[in-house]
Amino acid sequence: MSKEINILQGQSTEDLMAELKSRGKFVDNLWTTEDVFGKFNCTEDEAQEVLYEALTNEVTMEQIWFAIRFHAEYEFELTEKDDTSY
């Protein structure tokens, strides 16, 4: 295990989430393998794979972008940029 990983293990989940949030990451809705274990008999690796497939597939991504646009436009009355390339 690398020295960097050892340093991170000493941090609380809340501190790690606060650090990610300070870097612009959304951390208020994180999924864990416990979510999968609660519904299925599986190994840690299988649970990780299930989460990966469920959260990175095209349909999930389309639904997330739909929800982002919906809330930005209708709830917050934001306007979309003409050029959406970053």
Protein backbone atom coordinates (compact mmCIF):
# COMPACT_ATOMS: atom_id res chain seq x y z
CA MET A 1 0.00 0.00 0.00
CA SER A 2 1.40 3.39 -0.94
CA LYS A 3 2.19 6.14 1.55
CA GLU A 4 -0.58 8.36 0.07
CA ILE A 5 -3.22 5.68 0.67
CA ASN A 6 -2.05 5.23 4.27
CA ILE A 7 -2.45 8.97 4.88
CA LEU A 8 -5.99 8.91 3.48
CA GLN A 9 -7.00 5.97 5.67
CA GLY A 10 -6.46 8.13 8.74
CA GLN A 11 -9.05 10.65 7.52
CA SER A 12 -12.74 10.41 8.35
CA THR A 13 -15.26 9.84 5.58
CA GLU A 14 -16.67 13.30 6.32
CA ASP A 15 -13.24 14.94 5.92
CA LEU A 16 -12.60 13.08 2.66
CA MET A 17 -16.01 14.10 1.33
CA ALA A 18 -15.40 17.72 2.34
CA GLU A 19 -12.10 17.66 0.45
CA LEU A 20 -13.74 16.27 -2.68
CA LYS A 21 -16.53 18.85 -2.40
CA SER A 22 -13.94 21.64 -2.14
CA ARG A 23 -12.58 20.36 -5.49
CA GLY A 24 -15.98 20.67 -7.15
CA LYS A 25 -17.17 17.07 -6.78
CA PHE A 26 -20.78 16.33 -5.79
CA VAL A 27 -20.65 13.99 -2.81
CA ASP A 28 -24.12 14.26 -1.28
CA ASN A 29 -25.34 11.08 -3.00
CA LEU A 30 -22.67 8.40 -2.90
CA TRP A 31 -23.52 4.74 -3.39
CA THR A 32 -21.72 1.99 -1.51
CA THR A 33 -21.40 -1.75 -1.82
CA GLU A 34 -23.64 -1.92 1.27
CA ASP A 35 -26.49 -0.73 -0.95
CA VAL A 36 -25.97 -3.79 -3.15
CA PHE A 37 -25.37 -6.16 -0.21
CA GLY A 38 -28.73 -5.06 1.23
CA LYS A 39 -30.54 -6.49 -1.79
CA PHE A 40 -28.29 -9.22 -3.20
CA ASN A 41 -26.04 -12.04 -2.06
CA CYS A 42 -22.71 -11.12 -3.60
CA THR A 43 -19.03 -10.51 -3.03
CA GLU A 44 -17.38 -7.11 -2.63
CA ASP A 45 -16.01 -7.36 -6.19
CA GLU A 46 -19.43 -8.25 -7.59
CA ALA A 47 -21.05 -5.37 -5.72
CA GLN A 48 -18.43 -2.97 -7.10
CA GLU A 49 -19.08 -4.26 -10.63
CA VAL A 50 -22.84 -3.92 -10.21
CA LEU A 51 -22.45 -0.31 -9.06
CA TYR A 52 -20.04 0.46 -11.90
CA GLU A 53 -22.38 -0.93 -14.56
CA ALA A 54 -25.48 0.67 -13.02
CA LEU A 55 -23.97 4.11 -12.56
CA THR A 56 -21.93 4.47 -15.75
CA ASN A 57 -24.26 3.11 -18.41
CA GLU A 58 -25.66 5.36 -21.14
CA VAL A 59 -29.27 5.27 -19.89
CA THR A 60 -28.28 6.37 -16.38
CA MET A 61 -26.11 9.17 -17.76
CA GLU A 62 -28.93 10.38 -20.04
CA GLN A 63 -31.35 10.42 -17.10
CA ILE A 64 -28.91 12.39 -14.94
CA TRP A 65 -28.37 14.99 -17.68
CA PHE A 66 -32.15 15.22 -18.17
CA ALA A 67 -32.62 15.88 -14.44
CA ILE A 68 -29.78 18.42 -14.34
CA ARG A 69 -31.27 20.35 -17.27
CA PHE A 70 -34.79 20.15 -15.84
CA HIS A 71 -33.82 21.53 -12.44
CA ALA A 72 -31.43 24.13 -13.86
CA GLU A 73 -34.02 25.49 -16.30
CA TYR A 74 -37.31 25.16 -14.40
CA GLU A 75 -36.37 25.34 -10.76
CA PHE A 76 -33.45 27.76 -10.93
CA GLU A 77 -34.32 29.48 -14.24
CA LEU A 78 -30.76 29.09 -15.53
CA THR A 79 -29.96 29.47 -19.21
CA GLU A 80 -27.82 26.97 -21.03
CA LYS A 81 -24.57 28.18 -22.57
CA ASP A 82 -24.35 28.28 -26.37
CA ASP A 83 -20.97 26.56 -26.31
CA THR A 84 -21.08 23.60 -23.90
CA SER A 85 -17.52 22.43 -24.55
CA TYR A 86 -15.27 22.91 -21.55
